[in-house]
Amino acid sequence: MHSEVSVTVDRNQEFRFDLEGHEPMPSDVARRWLDDEFTRLECEPLRASGKVLLADKVLTVARAAGPVLLADPDWFQKFARATHGALAKAIVRIDLPSMAISY
C-alpha cells in the first residue's frame, strides 16, 4: 500500500515524503518524537483549553518547522515516519494555511 506524508506551506510550496521502503516509527516512539519536537520548537497548544490532540501536535510541529526544517531531508523523514506511526494513516496531507489534516 502506498504511504505518503505531504505538507502544504502555501499554494506554491509543498513538501512530500514517500514512505515506501521506510518503516513508520512505532506508535510510542512516534508520539515521543512529536512531543520532543513540540517542546524543542516551542509550540503552543491550538486550543484555549490547553489540551493537545495528536493531530494538533502534528500540525503545530509542521507549522513551527516551517520551510527550513521541512526542506531538511533527515528531519522531514523523521517527521513523516513519526506522523505515519502516530496517526496510523497511510496518506496524511497537512495543509498549513488552513491548519487542517486530511487522510
Protein backbone atom coordinates (compact mmCIF):
# COMPACT_ATOMS: atom_id res chain seq x y z
CA MET A 1 0.00 0.00 0.00
CA HIS A 2 1.26 3.46 -0.91
CA SER A 3 2.11 5.65 2.08
CA GLU A 4 2.92 9.35 1.93
CA VAL A 5 3.04 12.45 4.09
CA SER A 6 2.69 15.84 2.43
CA VAL A 7 2.84 19.32 3.91
CA THR A 8 1.49 22.32 2.03
CA VAL A 9 3.14 25.51 3.26
CA ASP A 10 1.40 27.76 0.74
CA ARG A 11 -0.04 27.37 -2.74
CA ASN A 12 3.47 27.50 -4.24
CA GLN A 13 5.30 25.28 -1.76
CA GLU A 14 4.61 21.68 -0.84
CA PHE A 15 6.83 19.00 0.68
CA ARG A 16 6.17 15.29 0.10
CA PHE A 17 7.74 12.21 1.56
CA ASP A 18 7.03 8.80 0.04
CA LEU A 19 7.30 6.26 2.85
CA GLU A 20 7.88 3.29 0.53
CA GLY A 21 10.87 1.43 1.92
CA HIS A 22 10.71 3.36 5.20
CA GLU A 23 9.13 1.82 8.25
CA PRO A 24 6.84 4.06 10.28
CA MET A 25 8.05 4.71 13.80
CA PRO A 26 6.34 2.53 16.39
CA SER A 27 3.42 4.47 17.89
CA ASP A 28 5.07 5.11 21.28
CA VAL A 29 8.34 6.23 19.67
CA ALA A 30 6.46 8.43 17.19
CA ARG A 31 4.48 10.13 19.96
CA ARG A 32 7.64 10.71 21.97
CA TRP A 33 9.43 12.18 18.93
CA LEU A 34 6.49 14.54 18.26
CA ASP A 35 6.38 15.50 21.96
CA ASP A 36 10.10 16.29 21.92
CA GLU A 37 9.81 18.39 18.75
CA PHE A 38 6.71 20.17 20.11
CA THR A 39 8.79 21.23 23.13
CA ARG A 40 12.02 21.94 21.23
CA LEU A 41 10.26 24.13 18.66
CA GLU A 42 8.36 25.93 21.45
CA CYS A 43 4.94 25.10 20.00
CA GLU A 44 1.78 26.38 21.64
CA PRO A 45 -1.48 24.41 22.01
CA LEU A 46 -4.09 25.27 19.36
CA ARG A 47 -6.99 25.00 21.81
CA ALA A 48 -7.77 27.52 24.54
CA SER A 49 -8.25 24.63 26.97
CA GLY A 50 -4.58 23.75 26.57
CA LYS A 51 -5.48 20.22 25.51
CA VAL A 52 -3.22 19.00 22.72
CA LEU A 53 -4.68 16.36 20.42
CA LEU A 54 -2.26 14.25 18.44
CA ALA A 55 -3.39 15.77 15.12
CA ASP A 56 -2.95 19.25 16.63
CA LYS A 57 0.58 18.33 17.66
CA VAL A 58 1.42 17.22 14.10
CA LEU A 59 0.00 20.50 12.74
CA THR A 60 1.83 22.75 15.19
CA VAL A 61 5.14 20.92 14.77
CA ALA A 62 4.87 21.22 10.98
CA ARG A 63 3.99 24.92 11.25
CA ALA A 64 6.86 25.61 13.67
CA ALA A 65 9.29 23.65 11.49
CA GLY A 66 8.45 25.84 8.52
CA PRO A 67 10.13 25.57 5.14
CA VAL A 68 13.63 25.39 6.65
CA LEU A 69 13.17 22.14 8.58
CA LEU A 70 10.69 20.70 6.09
CA ALA A 71 13.39 21.08 3.43
CA ASP A 72 15.90 19.20 5.60
CA PRO A 73 15.71 15.61 4.25
CA ASP A 74 16.77 14.00 7.54
CA TRP A 75 14.31 15.98 9.68
CA PHE A 76 11.45 15.59 7.20
CA GLN A 77 11.98 11.83 7.00
CA LYS A 78 11.74 11.60 10.80
CA PHE A 79 8.68 13.84 10.82
CA ALA A 80 6.97 11.76 8.11
CA ARG A 81 7.76 8.47 9.85
CA ALA A 82 6.56 9.86 13.20
CA THR A 83 3.38 11.28 11.66
CA HIS A 84 2.63 7.99 9.91
CA GLY A 85 3.37 5.97 13.05
CA ALA A 86 1.42 8.20 15.44
CA LEU A 87 -1.66 8.72 13.28
CA ALA A 88 -1.66 5.22 11.75
CA LYS A 89 -2.84 6.52 8.37
CA ALA A 90 -1.27 5.61 5.02
CA ILE A 91 -1.81 9.02 3.40
CA VAL A 92 -1.55 12.17 5.50
CA ARG A 93 -2.00 15.60 3.95
CA ILE A 94 -1.14 18.58 6.14
CA ASP A 95 -2.43 21.94 4.95
CA LEU A 96 -0.76 24.69 6.97
CA PRO A 97 -2.68 27.69 5.53
CA SER A 98 -5.96 26.15 6.74
CA MET A 99 -4.35 24.29 9.69
CA ALA A 100 -6.04 21.07 8.63
CA ILE A 101 -5.11 17.43 8.23
CA SER A 102 -6.80 15.06 5.81
CA TYR A 103 -6.30 11.33 5.41
